[in-house]
């Protein structure tokens, strides 16, 4: 069974969380790149919830951002 993720590489997203200290006039828009991470990497106990983190390219820098802090602006065209 394949897993479905909310965002895929090539999607244009708006970052709802503060990622980097920078000029406030710049929009927090980024591009999802390949790679996801489950955080925390190791479950502490059986009821521990892990969050899906996406790698997003914002202003030329890659950041790991929680999927709940992203809003889709445009889906990728590749499928």
Protein backbone atom coordinates (compact mmCIF):
# COMPACT_ATOMS: atom_id res chain seq x y z
CA UNK A 1 0.00 0.00 0.00
CA UNK A 2 1.43 3.37 -0.97
CA UNK A 3 1.26 6.31 1.37
CA UNK A 4 -0.40 9.51 0.23
CA UNK A 5 1.08 12.79 1.28
CA UNK A 6 -0.61 16.17 1.20
CA UNK A 7 2.16 17.85 -0.79
CA UNK A 8 4.45 16.51 -3.49
CA UNK A 9 7.64 17.86 -5.10
CA UNK A 10 6.97 20.84 -7.33
CA UNK A 11 3.99 22.21 -5.39
CA UNK A 12 4.02 25.94 -4.68
CA UNK A 13 3.06 26.56 -1.05
CA UNK A 14 2.57 29.45 1.34
CA UNK A 15 4.32 29.06 4.69
CA UNK A 16 1.95 29.96 7.53
CA UNK A 17 4.67 29.71 10.18
CA UNK A 18 7.62 32.07 10.68
CA UNK A 19 10.61 30.28 9.19
CA UNK A 20 13.40 32.78 8.85
CA UNK A 21 13.99 36.25 10.28
CA UNK A 22 13.97 38.48 7.24
CA UNK A 23 12.33 41.54 5.71
CA UNK A 24 8.61 41.30 6.52
CA UNK A 25 7.60 42.60 3.07
CA UNK A 26 8.82 39.42 1.38
CA UNK A 27 6.09 36.77 1.01
CA UNK A 28 6.61 33.40 2.68
CA UNK A 29 6.16 31.40 -0.50
CA UNK A 30 8.16 28.26 -1.13
CA UNK A 31 8.54 25.26 -3.37
CA UNK A 32 8.25 21.71 -2.02
CA UNK A 33 11.32 19.66 -2.94
CA UNK A 34 11.94 15.93 -2.69
CA UNK A 35 12.17 14.50 0.79
CA UNK A 36 9.93 14.06 3.81
CA UNK A 37 10.70 13.31 7.43
CA UNK A 38 8.62 11.96 10.28
CA UNK A 39 9.26 13.91 13.49
CA UNK A 40 10.15 12.79 16.09
CA UNK A 41 12.26 10.19 14.31
CA UNK A 42 11.69 7.62 17.09
CA UNK A 43 8.37 7.09 18.84
CA UNK A 44 8.61 7.65 22.57
CA UNK A 45 5.70 5.33 23.30
CA UNK A 46 2.91 3.54 21.48
CA UNK A 47 0.56 6.54 21.53
CA UNK A 48 3.19 9.00 20.31
CA UNK A 49 2.07 10.94 17.26
CA UNK A 50 4.63 11.73 14.58
CA UNK A 51 4.31 14.79 12.37
CA UNK A 52 5.11 14.81 8.67
CA UNK A 53 7.78 17.39 7.87
CA UNK A 54 8.29 18.57 4.27
CA UNK A 55 11.47 20.04 2.81
CA UNK A 56 10.58 23.46 1.38
CA UNK A 57 12.78 25.84 -0.58
CA UNK A 58 12.15 29.38 0.73
CA UNK A 59 14.27 32.30 -0.52
CA UNK A 60 17.00 29.95 -1.73
CA UNK A 61 17.29 28.03 1.56
CA UNK A 62 15.90 24.60 2.39
CA UNK A 63 13.83 24.27 5.56
CA UNK A 64 11.96 21.40 7.22
CA UNK A 65 8.40 22.61 7.82
CA UNK A 66 5.45 20.81 9.40
CA UNK A 67 2.70 19.98 6.90
CA UNK A 68 0.08 21.74 9.03
CA UNK A 69 2.00 25.03 8.59
CA UNK A 70 1.76 24.91 4.79
CA UNK A 71 -1.05 26.04 2.49
CA UNK A 72 -1.16 24.95 -1.14
CA UNK A 73 -1.09 27.76 -3.72
CA UNK A 74 -0.53 25.76 -6.91
CA UNK A 75 -0.26 22.03 -7.54
CA UNK A 76 2.55 20.68 -9.69
CA UNK A 77 1.79 19.81 -13.29
CA UNK A 78 3.53 16.40 -13.36
CA UNK A 79 0.68 14.13 -12.67
